[in-house]
N, C-alpha and C. Protein backbone atom coordinates (compact mmCIF):
# COMPACT_ATOMS: atom_id res chain seq x y z
N MET A 1 -18.85 -50.34 34.94
CA MET A 1 -17.77 -49.58 34.54
C MET A 1 -17.68 -49.80 33.01
N LYS A 2 -17.44 -48.78 32.28
CA LYS A 2 -17.32 -48.87 30.83
C LYS A 2 -15.83 -48.84 30.48
N LYS A 3 -15.57 -49.15 29.24
CA LYS A 3 -14.19 -49.18 28.78
C LYS A 3 -13.38 -47.88 29.01
N GLU A 4 -14.00 -46.75 28.78
CA GLU A 4 -13.32 -45.47 28.99
C GLU A 4 -13.03 -45.29 30.45
N GLU A 5 -13.87 -45.70 31.36
CA GLU A 5 -13.63 -45.58 32.83
C GLU A 5 -12.49 -46.46 33.22
N LEU A 6 -12.48 -47.68 32.65
CA LEU A 6 -11.40 -48.66 32.92
C LEU A 6 -10.05 -48.04 32.40
N LEU A 7 -10.09 -47.49 31.23
CA LEU A 7 -8.95 -46.88 30.68
C LEU A 7 -8.33 -45.82 31.62
N ILE A 8 -9.14 -44.96 32.11
CA ILE A 8 -8.71 -43.83 33.03
C ILE A 8 -8.09 -44.45 34.30
N LYS A 9 -8.74 -45.49 34.87
CA LYS A 9 -8.24 -46.03 36.17
C LYS A 9 -6.90 -46.77 35.81
N ILE A 10 -6.78 -47.44 34.69
CA ILE A 10 -5.47 -48.06 34.38
C ILE A 10 -4.33 -47.05 34.17
N ALA A 11 -4.74 -46.01 33.47
CA ALA A 11 -3.73 -44.94 33.26
C ALA A 11 -3.23 -44.30 34.60
N GLU A 12 -4.20 -44.07 35.47
CA GLU A 12 -3.82 -43.48 36.78
C GLU A 12 -2.94 -44.44 37.60
N LYS A 13 -3.39 -45.70 37.69
CA LYS A 13 -2.70 -46.69 38.52
C LYS A 13 -1.31 -47.04 37.97
N SER A 14 -1.18 -47.07 36.70
CA SER A 14 0.11 -47.44 36.09
C SER A 14 0.93 -46.29 35.80
N LYS A 15 0.42 -45.06 36.05
CA LYS A 15 1.14 -43.80 35.80
C LYS A 15 1.64 -43.67 34.33
N VAL A 16 0.73 -43.95 33.45
CA VAL A 16 1.03 -43.74 32.01
C VAL A 16 -0.08 -42.83 31.45
N LYS A 17 0.18 -42.32 30.31
CA LYS A 17 -0.82 -41.38 29.66
C LYS A 17 -1.97 -42.23 29.04
N SER A 18 -3.10 -41.60 28.92
CA SER A 18 -4.31 -42.33 28.45
C SER A 18 -4.10 -42.94 27.08
N PRO A 19 -3.42 -42.32 26.10
CA PRO A 19 -3.25 -43.00 24.82
C PRO A 19 -2.43 -44.31 24.91
N VAL A 20 -1.50 -44.35 25.78
CA VAL A 20 -0.75 -45.60 26.02
C VAL A 20 -1.62 -46.65 26.62
N ALA A 21 -2.40 -46.28 27.65
CA ALA A 21 -3.31 -47.22 28.30
C ALA A 21 -4.33 -47.74 27.24
N LYS A 22 -4.84 -46.78 26.39
CA LYS A 22 -5.83 -47.20 25.38
C LYS A 22 -5.29 -48.24 24.43
N ARG A 23 -3.94 -48.06 24.02
CA ARG A 23 -3.35 -49.05 23.10
C ARG A 23 -3.16 -50.40 23.82
N VAL A 24 -2.81 -50.40 25.10
CA VAL A 24 -2.62 -51.61 25.83
C VAL A 24 -3.92 -52.35 25.96
N ILE A 25 -4.99 -51.68 26.27
CA ILE A 25 -6.35 -52.29 26.37
C ILE A 25 -6.78 -52.84 25.08
N LYS A 26 -6.57 -52.16 23.96
CA LYS A 26 -6.97 -52.59 22.65
C LYS A 26 -6.08 -53.85 22.24
N ALA A 27 -4.81 -53.82 22.52
CA ALA A 27 -3.95 -54.93 22.26
C ALA A 27 -4.40 -56.20 23.06
N LEU A 28 -4.76 -55.99 24.34
CA LEU A 28 -5.19 -57.10 25.21
C LEU A 28 -6.48 -57.76 24.65
N ILE A 29 -7.44 -56.91 24.27
CA ILE A 29 -8.69 -57.43 23.73
C ILE A 29 -8.48 -58.12 22.42
N GLU A 30 -7.63 -57.60 21.50
CA GLU A 30 -7.35 -58.21 20.23
C GLU A 30 -6.63 -59.57 20.47
N SER A 31 -5.63 -59.59 21.38
CA SER A 31 -4.92 -60.80 21.61
C SER A 31 -5.78 -61.91 22.25
N LEU A 32 -6.59 -61.49 23.16
CA LEU A 32 -7.53 -62.48 23.79
C LEU A 32 -8.49 -63.03 22.69
N GLY A 33 -9.00 -62.18 21.86
CA GLY A 33 -9.92 -62.59 20.81
C GLY A 33 -9.21 -63.59 19.83
N GLU A 34 -8.09 -63.24 19.43
CA GLU A 34 -7.28 -64.11 18.45
C GLU A 34 -6.98 -65.49 19.09
N SER A 35 -6.58 -65.48 20.34
CA SER A 35 -6.23 -66.72 20.99
C SER A 35 -7.46 -67.62 21.23
N ILE A 36 -8.55 -67.00 21.68
CA ILE A 36 -9.78 -67.78 21.87
C ILE A 36 -10.33 -68.26 20.53
N GLN A 37 -10.34 -67.47 19.49
CA GLN A 37 -10.78 -67.75 18.25
C GLN A 37 -10.01 -68.98 17.65
N SER A 38 -8.77 -69.02 17.95
CA SER A 38 -7.94 -70.21 17.44
C SER A 38 -8.10 -71.42 18.30
N GLY A 39 -8.93 -71.39 19.36
CA GLY A 39 -9.22 -72.54 20.16
C GLY A 39 -8.40 -72.67 21.37
N GLU A 40 -7.50 -71.70 21.64
CA GLU A 40 -6.67 -71.75 22.85
C GLU A 40 -7.41 -71.41 24.08
N LYS A 41 -7.00 -71.91 25.19
CA LYS A 41 -7.50 -71.53 26.52
C LYS A 41 -6.58 -70.42 26.98
N VAL A 42 -7.13 -69.35 27.44
CA VAL A 42 -6.28 -68.20 27.93
C VAL A 42 -6.45 -68.05 29.44
N THR A 43 -5.35 -68.24 30.19
CA THR A 43 -5.36 -68.07 31.61
C THR A 43 -4.55 -66.89 32.08
N LEU A 44 -5.23 -65.99 32.80
CA LEU A 44 -4.63 -64.80 33.32
C LEU A 44 -4.56 -64.99 34.83
N THR A 45 -3.39 -65.31 35.34
CA THR A 45 -3.27 -65.58 36.79
C THR A 45 -3.78 -64.37 37.60
N GLY A 46 -4.63 -64.65 38.59
CA GLY A 46 -5.18 -63.58 39.42
C GLY A 46 -6.54 -63.04 38.83
N LEU A 47 -6.80 -63.41 37.60
CA LEU A 47 -8.07 -62.95 37.03
C LEU A 47 -8.97 -64.18 36.69
N GLY A 48 -8.53 -65.10 35.85
CA GLY A 48 -9.34 -66.24 35.52
C GLY A 48 -8.91 -66.85 34.18
N THR A 49 -9.84 -67.72 33.61
CA THR A 49 -9.54 -68.49 32.40
C THR A 49 -10.70 -68.23 31.44
N PHE A 50 -10.32 -67.94 30.25
CA PHE A 50 -11.22 -67.85 29.10
C PHE A 50 -11.09 -69.04 28.25
N ARG A 51 -12.19 -69.58 27.74
CA ARG A 51 -12.09 -70.74 26.80
C ARG A 51 -13.41 -70.84 26.03
N ILE A 52 -13.35 -71.60 24.95
CA ILE A 52 -14.58 -71.83 24.14
C ILE A 52 -15.24 -73.11 24.63
N LYS A 53 -16.57 -72.99 24.80
CA LYS A 53 -17.39 -74.18 25.10
C LYS A 53 -18.34 -74.46 23.96
N ILE A 54 -18.54 -75.68 23.69
CA ILE A 54 -19.42 -76.06 22.60
C ILE A 54 -20.81 -76.30 23.15
N ARG A 55 -21.80 -75.61 22.56
CA ARG A 55 -23.18 -75.77 22.99
C ARG A 55 -23.82 -76.82 22.11
N LYS A 56 -24.45 -77.77 22.67
CA LYS A 56 -25.02 -78.89 21.84
C LYS A 56 -26.31 -78.35 21.13
N ALA A 57 -26.52 -79.03 20.00
CA ALA A 57 -27.75 -78.73 19.23
C ALA A 57 -28.97 -79.18 20.10
N LYS A 58 -30.06 -78.42 19.97
CA LYS A 58 -31.21 -78.78 20.79
C LYS A 58 -32.45 -78.16 20.21
N PRO A 59 -33.58 -78.77 20.55
CA PRO A 59 -34.82 -78.19 20.04
C PRO A 59 -35.26 -77.04 20.98
N ALA A 60 -35.88 -76.04 20.42
CA ALA A 60 -36.35 -74.89 21.17
C ALA A 60 -37.73 -74.54 20.68
N ARG A 61 -38.36 -73.54 21.36
CA ARG A 61 -39.72 -73.17 20.96
C ARG A 61 -39.76 -71.67 20.72
N ASN A 62 -40.36 -71.28 19.58
CA ASN A 62 -40.60 -69.87 19.34
C ASN A 62 -41.78 -69.46 20.20
N LEU A 63 -41.53 -68.55 21.14
CA LEU A 63 -42.55 -68.16 22.10
C LEU A 63 -43.73 -67.43 21.47
N GLN A 64 -43.53 -66.81 20.38
CA GLN A 64 -44.69 -66.06 19.78
C GLN A 64 -45.63 -66.95 18.99
N THR A 65 -45.04 -67.96 18.26
CA THR A 65 -45.89 -68.83 17.51
C THR A 65 -46.11 -70.22 18.09
N GLY A 66 -45.28 -70.59 19.06
CA GLY A 66 -45.30 -71.85 19.68
C GLY A 66 -44.73 -72.95 18.82
N GLU A 67 -44.19 -72.63 17.73
CA GLU A 67 -43.48 -73.58 16.81
C GLU A 67 -42.24 -74.07 17.39
N THR A 68 -41.94 -75.35 17.21
CA THR A 68 -40.70 -75.90 17.63
C THR A 68 -39.66 -75.67 16.54
N VAL A 69 -38.50 -75.16 16.92
CA VAL A 69 -37.36 -74.92 16.05
C VAL A 69 -36.14 -75.66 16.48
N HIS A 70 -35.22 -75.86 15.55
CA HIS A 70 -33.98 -76.55 15.95
C HIS A 70 -32.84 -75.57 16.08
N LEU A 71 -32.18 -75.51 17.19
CA LEU A 71 -30.98 -74.65 17.35
C LEU A 71 -29.73 -75.51 17.08
N PRO A 72 -29.00 -75.10 16.09
CA PRO A 72 -27.76 -75.86 15.78
C PRO A 72 -26.67 -75.76 16.89
N GLU A 73 -25.71 -76.63 16.73
CA GLU A 73 -24.58 -76.65 17.69
C GLU A 73 -23.93 -75.21 17.53
N GLY A 74 -23.40 -74.73 18.60
CA GLY A 74 -22.76 -73.41 18.56
C GLY A 74 -21.63 -73.35 19.54
N LYS A 75 -20.89 -72.22 19.47
CA LYS A 75 -19.74 -72.02 20.31
C LYS A 75 -20.09 -70.80 21.23
N LYS A 76 -19.60 -70.83 22.44
CA LYS A 76 -19.73 -69.64 23.31
C LYS A 76 -18.42 -69.49 24.09
N ILE A 77 -18.16 -68.29 24.52
CA ILE A 77 -16.96 -68.02 25.33
C ILE A 77 -17.34 -68.14 26.80
N SER A 78 -16.51 -68.88 27.50
CA SER A 78 -16.72 -69.13 28.94
C SER A 78 -15.57 -68.47 29.71
N PHE A 79 -15.93 -67.92 30.85
CA PHE A 79 -14.94 -67.31 31.70
C PHE A 79 -15.11 -67.93 33.09
N LYS A 80 -13.99 -68.45 33.63
CA LYS A 80 -14.00 -68.99 35.01
C LYS A 80 -13.07 -68.15 35.83
N PRO A 81 -13.62 -67.41 36.81
CA PRO A 81 -12.77 -66.60 37.65
C PRO A 81 -11.82 -67.42 38.50
N SER A 82 -10.61 -66.85 38.75
CA SER A 82 -9.69 -67.51 39.67
C SER A 82 -10.13 -67.42 41.10
N VAL A 83 -9.57 -68.20 41.93
CA VAL A 83 -9.99 -68.27 43.35
C VAL A 83 -9.77 -66.85 43.96
N GLY A 84 -8.57 -66.25 43.72
CA GLY A 84 -8.30 -64.94 44.25
C GLY A 84 -9.22 -63.88 43.77
N PHE A 85 -9.70 -63.97 42.52
CA PHE A 85 -10.60 -62.97 41.98
C PHE A 85 -11.98 -63.18 42.65
N LYS A 86 -12.41 -64.42 42.90
CA LYS A 86 -13.66 -64.72 43.60
C LYS A 86 -13.57 -64.16 45.03
N ASP A 87 -12.45 -64.26 45.63
CA ASP A 87 -12.32 -63.88 47.07
C ASP A 87 -12.51 -62.40 47.19
N LEU A 88 -12.31 -61.55 46.09
CA LEU A 88 -12.58 -60.14 46.22
C LEU A 88 -14.07 -59.86 46.54
N LEU A 89 -14.89 -60.76 46.15
CA LEU A 89 -16.36 -60.55 46.54
C LEU A 89 -16.61 -60.80 47.99
N LYS A 90 -15.85 -61.82 48.52
CA LYS A 90 -16.05 -62.16 49.89
C LYS A 90 -15.42 -61.14 50.87
N ASN A 91 -14.24 -60.65 50.47
CA ASN A 91 -13.47 -59.73 51.28
C ASN A 91 -13.09 -58.50 50.59
N PRO A 92 -14.09 -57.64 50.26
CA PRO A 92 -13.73 -56.38 49.48
C PRO A 92 -12.86 -55.51 50.32
N SER A 93 -11.86 -54.92 49.60
CA SER A 93 -11.05 -53.92 50.36
C SER A 93 -11.80 -52.60 50.45
N PRO A 94 -11.59 -51.88 51.57
CA PRO A 94 -12.27 -50.63 51.73
C PRO A 94 -11.86 -49.60 50.64
N THR A 95 -12.87 -48.91 50.19
CA THR A 95 -12.65 -47.90 49.21
C THR A 95 -12.09 -46.60 49.80
N PRO A 96 -11.18 -45.91 49.19
CA PRO A 96 -10.59 -44.80 49.73
C PRO A 96 -11.58 -43.56 49.79
């Protein structure tokens, strides 16, 4: 599903017009990004938790040349789904 498809589903389910749903999705993405960037853990009950994880520095290999290179420490965004969200995979609701 792409962002536009999600936007249409949200607009239909919440009974709002598409421009309103688009602003809500944009605000959600911006707010999540700002919070995560500042180092906060973001928990959305029923969905999961977003947080930053630090990736340790490590040696790696350039596959084309075989040369060993050093990868510096880095940050990545981690998402851990909630138990309820995971259960959707085990017990999917029938589609209409």
